[in-house]
């Protein structure tokens, strides 16, 4: 997993050596969407009897589960960080 950028807002990702959080989140959501599509297609194929490869179906299902868990964790951490920032005394 790529590192998240930790620096000033004007600092580029090449200078800090990481990716901005927005890009990390976009990649995670895109990965989730792709794995959901693959798992859904596998489900349809299995239901219609077009697929005999149960091993690949289970792999795609596990990849979808992992992608969902990753997006949930990223979202939870972002919300937690936001709440912590909002509670800071100025």
PDB file of N, CA and C in Angstrom:
ATOM      1  N   UNK A   1       0.841  -1.170   0.000  1.00  0.00           N
ATOM      2  CA  UNK A   1       0.000   0.000   0.000  1.00  0.00           C
ATOM      3  C   UNK A   1       0.881   1.225   0.000  1.00  0.00           C
ATOM      4  N   UNK A   2       0.593   2.240  -0.840  1.00  0.00           N
ATOM      5  CA  UNK A   2       1.420   3.426  -0.896  1.00  0.00           C
ATOM      6  C   UNK A   2       1.284   4.259   0.365  1.00  0.00           C
ATOM      7  N   UNK A   3       2.334   5.037   0.624  1.00  0.00           N
ATOM      8  CA  UNK A   3       2.292   5.901   1.793  1.00  0.00           C
ATOM      9  C   UNK A   3       1.494   7.150   1.491  1.00  0.00           C
ATOM     10  N   UNK A   4       0.888   7.714   2.521  1.00  0.00           N
ATOM     11  CA  UNK A   4       0.089   8.913   2.375  1.00  0.00           C
ATOM     12  C   UNK A   4       0.986  10.111   2.616  1.00  0.00           C
ATOM     13  N   UNK A   5       0.771  11.148   1.831  1.00  0.00           N
ATOM     14  CA  UNK A   5       1.577  12.351   1.915  1.00  0.00           C
ATOM     15  C   UNK A   5       1.389  13.027   3.261  1.00  0.00           C
ATOM     16  N   UNK A   6       2.499  13.371   3.896  1.00  0.00           N
ATOM     17  CA  UNK A   6       2.432  14.112   5.151  1.00  0.00           C
ATOM     18  C   UNK A   6       3.329  15.319   5.040  1.00  0.00           C
ATOM     19  N   UNK A   7       2.772  16.419   4.690  1.00  0.00           N
ATOM     20  CA  UNK A   7       3.535  17.646   4.522  1.00  0.00           C
ATOM     21  C   UNK A   7       2.596  18.801   4.313  1.00  0.00           C
ATOM     22  N   UNK A   8       3.160  19.925   3.912  1.00  0.00           N
ATOM     23  CA  UNK A   8       2.327  21.099   3.689  1.00  0.00           C
ATOM     24  C   UNK A   8       1.474  20.904   2.449  1.00  0.00           C
ATOM     25  N   UNK A   9       0.440  21.699   2.341  1.00  0.00           N
ATOM     26  CA  UNK A   9      -0.501  21.535   1.237  1.00  0.00           C
ATOM     27  C   UNK A   9       0.147  21.834  -0.103  1.00  0.00           C
ATOM     28  N   UNK A  10       1.167  22.693  -0.154  1.00  0.00           N
ATOM     29  CA  UNK A  10       1.817  23.049  -1.397  1.00  0.00           C
ATOM     30  C   UNK A  10       2.886  22.067  -1.816  1.00  0.00           C
ATOM     31  N   UNK A  11       3.237  21.113  -0.995  1.00  0.00           N
ATOM     32  CA  UNK A  11       4.302  20.162  -1.288  1.00  0.00           C
ATOM     33  C   UNK A  11       3.773  19.086  -2.232  1.00  0.00           C
ATOM     34  N   UNK A  12       4.541  18.785  -3.271  1.00  0.00           N
ATOM     35  CA  UNK A  12       4.100  17.762  -4.222  1.00  0.00           C
ATOM     36  C   UNK A  12       4.439  16.381  -3.695  1.00  0.00           C
ATOM     37  N   UNK A  13       3.773  15.377  -4.268  1.00  0.00           N
ATOM     38  CA  UNK A  13       4.007  14.012  -3.801  1.00  0.00           C
ATOM     39  C   UNK A  13       5.415  13.545  -4.147  1.00  0.00           C
ATOM     40  N   UNK A  14       6.021  14.089  -5.198  1.00  0.00           N
ATOM     41  CA  UNK A  14       7.381  13.703  -5.554  1.00  0.00           C
ATOM     42  C   UNK A  14       8.369  14.196  -4.499  1.00  0.00           C
ATOM     43  N   UNK A  15       8.098  15.347  -3.910  1.00  0.00           N
ATOM     44  CA  UNK A  15       8.993  15.898  -2.902  1.00  0.00           C
ATOM     45  C   UNK A  15       8.879  15.148  -1.586  1.00  0.00           C
ATOM     46  N   UNK A  16       7.695  14.741  -1.211  1.00  0.00           N
ATOM     47  CA  UNK A  16       7.491  14.100   0.086  1.00  0.00           C
ATOM     48  C   UNK A  16       7.651  12.585   0.024  1.00  0.00           C
ATOM     49  N   UNK A  17       7.585  11.997  -1.166  1.00  0.00           N
ATOM     50  CA  UNK A  17       7.762  10.563  -1.302  1.00  0.00           C
ATOM     51  C   UNK A  17       6.495   9.755  -1.094  1.00  0.00           C
ATOM     52  N   UNK A  18       5.332  10.366  -1.010  1.00  0.00           N
ATOM     53  CA  UNK A  18       4.078   9.650  -0.805  1.00  0.00           C
ATOM     54  C   UNK A  18       2.985  10.174  -1.708  1.00  0.00           C
ATOM     55  N   UNK A  19       1.818   9.571  -1.589  1.00  0.00           N
ATOM     56  CA  UNK A  19       0.656   9.998  -2.363  1.00  0.00           C
ATOM     57  C   UNK A  19      -0.273  10.837  -1.497  1.00  0.00           C
ATOM     58  N   UNK A  20      -0.951  11.814  -2.090  1.00  0.00           N
ATOM     59  CA  UNK A  20      -1.974  12.538  -1.328  1.00  0.00           C
ATOM     60  C   UNK A  20      -3.106  11.585  -0.934  1.00  0.00           C
ATOM     61  N   UNK A  21      -3.741  11.864   0.173  1.00  0.00           N
ATOM     62  CA  UNK A  21      -4.809  10.994   0.676  1.00  0.00           C
ATOM     63  C   UNK A  21      -5.921  10.829  -0.348  1.00  0.00           C
ATOM     64  N   UNK A  22      -6.201  11.890  -1.074  1.00  0.00           N
ATOM     65  CA  UNK A  22      -7.271  11.852  -2.076  1.00  0.00           C
ATOM     66  C   UNK A  22      -6.986  10.765  -3.114  1.00  0.00           C
ATOM     67  N   UNK A  23      -5.741  10.671  -3.576  1.00  0.00           N
ATOM     68  CA  UNK A  23      -5.392   9.659  -4.567  1.00  0.00           C
ATOM     69  C   UNK A  23      -5.447   8.250  -3.988  1.00  0.00           C
ATOM     70  N   UNK A  24      -5.023   8.104  -2.741  1.00  0.00           N
ATOM     71  CA  UNK A  24      -5.083   6.790  -2.085  1.00  0.00           C
ATOM     72  C   UNK A  24      -6.542   6.349  -1.979  1.00  0.00           C
ATOM     73  N   UNK A  25      -7.413   7.260  -1.589  1.00  0.00           N
ATOM     74  CA  UNK A  25      -8.834   6.936  -1.447  1.00  0.00           C
ATOM     75  C   UNK A  25      -9.456   6.617  -2.807  1.00  0.00           C
ATOM     76  N   UNK A  26      -9.102   7.397  -3.830  1.00  0.00           N
ATOM     77  CA  UNK A  26      -9.637   7.132  -5.166  1.00  0.00           C
ATOM     78  C   UNK A  26      -9.195   5.758  -5.677  1.00  0.00           C
ATOM     79  N   UNK A  27      -7.939   5.400  -5.443  1.00  0.00           N
ATOM     80  CA  UNK A  27      -7.453   4.090  -5.869  1.00  0.00           C
ATOM     81  C   UNK A  27      -8.172   2.972  -5.128  1.00  0.00           C
ATOM     82  N   UNK A  28      -8.421   3.169  -3.848  1.00  0.00           N
ATOM     83  CA  UNK A  28      -9.112   2.144  -3.061  1.00  0.00           C
ATOM     84  C   UNK A  28     -10.546   1.963  -3.550  1.00  0.00           C
ATOM     85  N   UNK A  29     -11.225   3.062  -3.833  1.00  0.00           N
ATOM     86  CA  UNK A  29     -12.611   2.980  -4.314  1.00  0.00           C
ATOM     87  C   UNK A  29     -12.654   2.358  -5.707  1.00  0.00           C
ATOM     88  N   UNK A  30     -11.700   2.720  -6.560  1.00  0.00           N
ATOM     89  CA  UNK A  30     -11.647   2.134  -7.897  1.00  0.00           C
ATOM     90  C   UNK A  30     -11.389   0.632  -7.816  1.00  0.00           C
ATOM     91  N   UNK A  31     -10.490   0.231  -6.942  1.00  0.00           N
ATOM     92  CA  UNK A  31     -10.216  -1.188  -6.742  1.00  0.00           C
ATOM     93  C   UNK A  31     -11.459  -1.912  -6.234  1.00  0.00           C
ATOM     94  N   UNK A  32     -12.184  -1.274  -5.336  1.00  0.00           N
ATOM     95  CA  UNK A  32     -13.427  -1.857  -4.816  1.00  0.00           C
ATOM     96  C   UNK A  32     -14.444  -2.055  -5.937  1.00  0.00           C
ATOM     97  N   UNK A  33     -14.615  -1.042  -6.770  1.00  0.00           N
ATOM     98  CA  UNK A  33     -15.577  -1.141  -7.865  1.00  0.00           C
ATOM     99  C   UNK A  33     -15.210  -2.252  -8.840  1.00  0.00           C
ATOM    100  N   UNK A  34     -13.915  -2.352  -9.165  1.00  0.00           N
ATOM    101  CA  UNK A  34     -13.477  -3.395 -10.093  1.00  0.00           C
ATOM    102  C   UNK A  34     -13.687  -4.792  -9.509  1.00  0.00           C
ATOM    103  N   UNK A  35     -13.384  -4.952  -8.224  1.00  0.00           N
ATOM    104  CA  UNK A  35     -13.558  -6.274  -7.616  1.00  0.00           C
ATOM    105  C   UNK A  35     -15.029  -6.624  -7.458  1.00  0.00           C
ATOM    106  N   UNK A  36     -15.872  -5.624  -7.212  1.00  0.00           N
ATOM    107  CA  UNK A  36     -17.303  -5.889  -7.131  1.00  0.00           C
ATOM    108  C   UNK A  36     -17.852  -6.326  -8.487  1.00  0.00           C
ATOM    109  N   UNK A  37     -17.386  -5.688  -9.557  1.00  0.00           N
ATOM    110  CA  UNK A  37     -17.837  -6.071 -10.893  1.00  0.00           C
ATOM    111  C   UNK A  37     -17.408  -7.496 -11.235  1.00  0.00           C
ATOM    112  N   UNK A  38     -16.157  -7.844 -10.899  1.00  0.00           N
ATOM    113  CA  UNK A  38     -15.661  -9.193 -11.183  1.00  0.00           C
ATOM    114  C   UNK A  38     -16.439 -10.234 -10.378  1.00  0.00           C
ATOM    115  N   UNK A  39     -16.696  -9.939  -9.108  1.00  0.00           N
ATOM    116  CA  UNK A  39     -17.440 -10.879  -8.265  1.00  0.00           C
ATOM    117  C   UNK A  39     -18.888 -11.010  -8.745  1.00  0.00           C
ATOM    118  N   UNK A  40     -19.478  -9.906  -9.169  1.00  0.00           N
ATOM    119  CA  UNK A  40     -20.855  -9.964  -9.666  1.00  0.00           C
ATOM    120  C   UNK A  40     -20.929 -10.785 -10.950  1.00  0.00           C
ATOM    121  N   UNK A  41     -19.973 -10.587 -11.844  1.00  0.00           N
ATOM    122  CA  UNK A  41     -19.951 -11.359 -13.088  1.00  0.00           C
ATOM    123  C   UNK A  41     -19.764 -12.841 -12.800  1.00  0.00           C
ATOM    124  N   UNK A  42     -18.880 -13.156 -11.848  1.00  0.00           N
ATOM    125  CA  UNK A  42     -18.679 -14.554 -11.459  1.00  0.00           C
ATOM    126  C   UNK A  42     -19.958 -15.156 -10.887  1.00  0.00           C
ATOM    127  N   UNK A  43     -20.682 -14.376 -10.106  1.00  0.00           N
ATOM    128  CA  UNK A  43     -21.935 -14.847  -9.513  1.00  0.00           C
ATOM    129  C   UNK A  43     -22.959 -15.163 -10.600  1.00  0.00           C
ATOM    130  N   UNK A  44     -23.083 -14.258 -11.586  1.00  0.00           N
ATOM    131  CA  UNK A  44     -24.016 -14.501 -12.680  1.00  0.00           C
ATOM    132  C   UNK A  44     -23.616 -15.736 -13.477  1.00  0.00           C
ATOM    133  N   UNK A  45     -22.315 -15.850 -13.770  1.00  0.00           N
ATOM    134  CA  UNK A  45     -21.842 -17.010 -14.530  1.00  0.00           C
ATOM    135  C   UNK A  45     -22.120 -18.310 -13.782  1.00  0.00           C
ATOM    136  N   UNK A  46     -21.887 -18.302 -12.485  1.00  0.00           N
ATOM    137  CA  UNK A  46     -22.134 -19.502 -11.682  1.00  0.00           C
ATOM    138  C   UNK A  46     -23.623 -19.838 -11.646  1.00  0.00           C
ATOM    139  N   UNK A  47     -24.459 -18.797 -11.502  1.00  0.00           N
ATOM    140  CA  UNK A  47     -25.904 -19.017 -11.435  1.00  0.00           C
ATOM    141  C   UNK A  47     -26.449 -19.582 -12.749  1.00  0.00           C
ATOM    142  N   UNK A  48     -25.878 -19.147 -13.890  1.00  0.00           N
ATOM    143  CA  UNK A  48     -26.343 -19.625 -15.189  1.00  0.00           C
ATOM    144  C   UNK A  48     -25.620 -20.885 -15.648  1.00  0.00           C
ATOM    145  N   UNK A  49     -24.681 -21.364 -14.828  1.00  0.00           N
ATOM    146  CA  UNK A  49     -23.972 -22.583 -15.176  1.00  0.00           C
ATOM    147  C   UNK A  49     -22.883 -22.387 -16.207  1.00  0.00           C
ATOM    148  N   UNK A  50     -22.435 -21.157 -16.404  1.00  0.00           N
ATOM    149  CA  UNK A  50     -21.414 -20.871 -17.407  1.00  0.00           C
ATOM    150  C   UNK A  50     -19.995 -21.002 -16.868  1.00  0.00           C
ATOM    151  N   UNK A  51     -19.845 -21.215 -15.579  1.00  0.00           N
ATOM    152  CA  UNK A  51     -18.516 -21.276 -14.989  1.00  0.00           C
ATOM    153  C   UNK A  51     -18.366 -22.549 -14.174  1.00  0.00           C
ATOM    154  N   UNK A  52     -17.267 -23.242 -14.429  1.00  0.00           N
ATOM    155  CA  UNK A  52     -16.990 -24.447 -13.658  1.00  0.00           C
ATOM    156  C   UNK A  52     -15.771 -24.237 -12.762  1.00  0.00           C
ATOM    157  N   UNK A  53     -15.233 -23.032 -12.763  1.00  0.00           N
ATOM    158  CA  UNK A  53     -14.009 -22.730 -12.020  1.00  0.00           C
ATOM    159  C   UNK A  53     -14.353 -22.055 -10.689  1.00  0.00           C
ATOM    160  N   UNK A  54     -14.696 -22.851  -9.715  1.00  0.00           N
ATOM    161  CA  UNK A  54     -15.083 -22.340  -8.402  1.00  0.00           C
ATOM    162  C   UNK A  54     -13.906 -21.664  -7.692  1.00  0.00           C
ATOM    163  N   UNK A  55     -12.703 -22.117  -7.984  1.00  0.00           N
ATOM    164  CA  UNK A  55     -11.505 -21.552  -7.365  1.00  0.00           C
ATOM    165  C   UNK A  55     -11.363 -20.063  -7.689  1.00  0.00           C
ATOM    166  N   UNK A  56     -11.514 -19.704  -8.954  1.00  0.00           N
ATOM    167  CA  UNK A  56     -11.413 -18.298  -9.370  1.00  0.00           C
ATOM    168  C   UNK A  56     -12.541 -17.470  -8.768  1.00  0.00           C
ATOM    169  N   UNK A  57     -13.721 -18.035  -8.686  1.00  0.00           N
ATOM    170  CA  UNK A  57     -14.857 -17.325  -8.098  1.00  0.00           C
ATOM    171  C   UNK A  57     -14.576 -17.004  -6.632  1.00  0.00           C
ATOM    172  N   UNK A  58     -14.023 -17.940  -5.910  1.00  0.00           N
ATOM    173  CA  UNK A  58     -13.703 -17.715  -4.493  1.00  0.00           C
ATOM    174  C   UNK A  58     -12.593 -16.680  -4.332  1.00  0.00           C
ATOM    175  N   UNK A  59     -11.623 -16.688  -5.238  1.00  0.00           N
ATOM    176  CA  UNK A  59     -10.549 -15.683  -5.185  1.00  0.00           C
ATOM    177  C   UNK A  59     -11.112 -14.294  -5.414  1.00  0.00           C
ATOM    178  N   UNK A  60     -11.965 -14.138  -6.417  1.00  0.00           N
ATOM    179  CA  UNK A  60     -12.577 -12.826  -6.674  1.00  0.00           C
ATOM    180  C   UNK A  60     -13.443 -12.374  -5.502  1.00  0.00           C
ATOM    181  N   UNK A  61     -14.128 -13.302  -4.879  1.00  0.00           N
ATOM    182  CA  UNK A  61     -14.948 -12.972  -3.711  1.00  0.00           C
ATOM    183  C   UNK A  61     -14.083 -12.502  -2.556  1.00  0.00           C
ATOM    184  N   UNK A  62     -12.958 -13.176  -2.329  1.00  0.00           N
ATOM    185  CA  UNK A  62     -12.043 -12.763  -1.257  1.00  0.00           C
ATOM    186  C   UNK A  62     -11.415 -11.412  -1.564  1.00  0.00           C
ATOM    187  N   UNK A  63     -11.107 -11.151  -2.825  1.00  0.00           N
ATOM    188  CA  UNK A  63     -10.550  -9.852  -3.206  1.00  0.00           C
ATOM    189  C   UNK A  63     -11.565  -8.729  -2.967  1.00  0.00           C
ATOM    190  N   UNK A  64     -12.834  -9.021  -3.245  1.00  0.00           N
ATOM    191  CA  UNK A  64     -13.889  -8.030  -3.005  1.00  0.00           C
ATOM    192  C   UNK A  64     -14.014  -7.739  -1.512  1.00  0.00           C
ATOM    193  N   UNK A  65     -13.981  -8.777  -0.703  1.00  0.00           N
ATOM    194  CA  UNK A  65     -14.074  -8.601   0.745  1.00  0.00           C
ATOM    195  C   UNK A  65     -12.922  -7.749   1.268  1.00  0.00           C
ATOM    196  N   UNK A  66     -11.724  -8.019   0.784  1.00  0.00           N
ATOM    197  CA  UNK A  66     -10.555  -7.253   1.199  1.00  0.00           C
ATOM    198  C   UNK A  66     -10.672  -5.797   0.760  1.00  0.00           C
ATOM    199  N   UNK A  67     -11.159  -5.559  -0.449  1.00  0.00           N
ATOM    200  CA  UNK A  67     -11.322  -4.191  -0.939  1.00  0.00           C
ATOM    201  C   UNK A  67     -12.354  -3.423  -0.101  1.00  0.00           C
ATOM    202  N   UNK A  68     -13.441  -4.088   0.263  1.00  0.00           N
ATOM    203  CA  UNK A  68     -14.458  -3.446   1.107  1.00  0.00           C
ATOM    204  C   UNK A  68     -13.865  -3.075   2.464  1.00  0.00           C
ATOM    205  N   UNK A  69     -13.121  -4.004   3.059  1.00  0.00           N
ATOM    206  CA  UNK A  69     -12.517  -3.743   4.361  1.00  0.00           C
ATOM    207  C   UNK A  69     -11.514  -2.590   4.290  1.00  0.00           C
ATOM    208  N   UNK A  70     -10.758  -2.501   3.195  1.00  0.00           N
ATOM    209  CA  UNK A  70      -9.788  -1.422   3.017  1.00  0.00           C
ATOM    210  C   UNK A  70     -10.487  -0.070   2.936  1.00  0.00           C
ATOM    211  N   UNK A  71     -11.542   0.014   2.140  1.00  0.00           N
ATOM    212  CA  UNK A  71     -12.266   1.284   2.005  1.00  0.00           C
ATOM    213  C   UNK A  71     -12.918   1.673   3.326  1.00  0.00           C
ATOM    214  N   UNK A  72     -13.462   0.707   4.054  1.00  0.00           N
ATOM    215  CA  UNK A  72     -14.077   1.001   5.354  1.00  0.00           C
ATOM    216  C   UNK A  72     -13.025   1.528   6.331  1.00  0.00           C
ATOM    217  N   UNK A  73     -11.850   0.909   6.357  1.00  0.00           N
ATOM    218  CA  UNK A  73     -10.783   1.354   7.251  1.00  0.00           C
ATOM    219  C   UNK A  73     -10.301   2.762   6.881  1.00  0.00           C
ATOM    220  N   UNK A  74     -10.116   3.022   5.591  1.00  0.00           N
ATOM    221  CA  UNK A  74      -9.679   4.354   5.164  1.00  0.00           C
ATOM    222  C   UNK A  74     -10.707   5.413   5.535  1.00  0.00           C
ATOM    223  N   UNK A  75     -11.972   5.090   5.325  1.00  0.00           N
ATOM    224  CA  UNK A  75     -13.032   6.039   5.663  1.00  0.00           C
ATOM    225  C   UNK A  75     -13.090   6.281   7.169  1.00  0.00           C
ATOM    226  N   UNK A  76     -12.989   5.224   7.947  1.00  0.00           N
ATOM    227  CA  UNK A  76     -13.032   5.368   9.405  1.00  0.00           C
ATOM    228  C   UNK A  76     -11.869   6.206   9.913  1.00  0.00           C
ATOM    229  N   UNK A  77     -10.690   5.967   9.364  1.00  0.00           N
ATOM    230  CA  UNK A  77      -9.520   6.734   9.794  1.00  0.00           C
ATOM    231  C   UNK A  77      -9.615   8.193   9.385  1.00  0.00           C
ATOM    232  N   UNK A  78     -10.169   8.456   8.206  1.00  0.00           N
ATOM    233  CA  UNK A  78     -10.340   9.839   7.761  1.00  0.00           C
ATOM    234  C   UNK A  78     -11.336  10.568   8.659  1.00  0.00           C
ATOM    235  N   UNK A  79     -12.433   9.921   8.994  1.00  0.00           N
ATOM    236  CA  UNK A  79     -13.434  10.536   9.865  1.00  0.00           C
ATOM    237  C   UNK A  79     -12.858  10.756  11.259  1.00  0.00           C
ATOM    238  N   UNK A  80     -12.117   9.796  11.753  1.00  0.00           N
ATOM    239  CA  UNK A  80     -11.487   9.915  13.063  1.00  0.00           C
ATOM    240  C   UNK A  80     -10.494  11.073  13.094  1.00  0.00           C
ATOM    241  N   UNK A  81      -9.679  11.203  12.045  1.00  0.00           N
ATOM    242  CA  UNK A  81      -8.718  12.306  11.975  1.00  0.00           C
ATOM    243  C   UNK A  81      -9.438  13.648  11.897  1.00  0.00           C
ATOM    244  N   UNK A  82     -10.526  13.702  11.130  1.00  0.00           N
ATOM    245  CA  UNK A  82     -11.299  14.937  11.024  1.00  0.00           C
ATOM    246  C   UNK A  82     -11.876  15.341  12.370  1.00  0.00           C
ATOM    247  N   UNK A  83     -12.439  14.373  13.086  1.00  0.00           N
ATOM    248  CA  UNK A  83     -13.005  14.669  14.411  1.00  0.00           C
ATOM    249  C   UNK A  83     -11.930  15.157  15.366  1.00  0.00           C
ATOM    250  N   UNK A  84     -10.752  14.542  15.305  1.00  0.00           N
ATOM    251  CA  UNK A  84      -9.668  14.941  16.177  1.00  0.00           C
ATOM    252  C   UNK A  84      -9.210  16.371  15.873  1.00  0.00           C
ATOM    253  N   UNK A  85      -9.141  16.707  14.589  1.00  0.00           N
ATOM    254  CA  UNK A  85      -8.762  18.055  14.198  1.00  0.00           C
ATOM    255  C   UNK A  85      -9.811  19.061  14.645  1.00  0.00           C
ATOM    256  N   UNK A  86     -11.082  18.715  14.536  1.00  0.00           N
ATOM    257  CA  UNK A  86     -12.154  19.623  14.929  1.00  0.00           C
ATOM    258  C   UNK A  86     -12.186  19.858  16.444  1.00  0.00           C
ATOM    259  N   UNK A  87     -11.668  18.918  17.225  1.00  0.00           N
ATOM    260  CA  UNK A  87     -11.667  19.069  18.680  1.00  0.00           C
ATOM    261  C   UNK A  87     -10.440  19.812  19.206  1.00  0.00           C
ATOM    262  N   UNK A  88      -9.507  20.141  18.323  1.00  0.00           N
ATOM    263  CA  UNK A  88      -8.292  20.842  18.756  1.00  0.00           C
ATOM    264  C   UNK A  88      -8.622  22.254  19.207  1.00  0.00           C
ATOM    265  N   UNK A  89      -7.963  22.652  20.278  1.00  0.00           N
ATOM    266  CA  UNK A  89      -8.115  24.023  20.770  1.00  0.00           C
ATOM    267  C   UNK A  89      -7.179  24.936  19.954  1.00  0.00           C
ATOM    268  N   UNK A  90      -7.698  26.067  19.569  1.00  0.00           N
ATOM    269  CA  UNK A  90      -6.879  27.007  18.810  1.00  0.00           C
ATOM    270  C   UNK A  90      -6.372  28.102  19.721  1.00  0.00           C
TER     271      UNK A  90
END
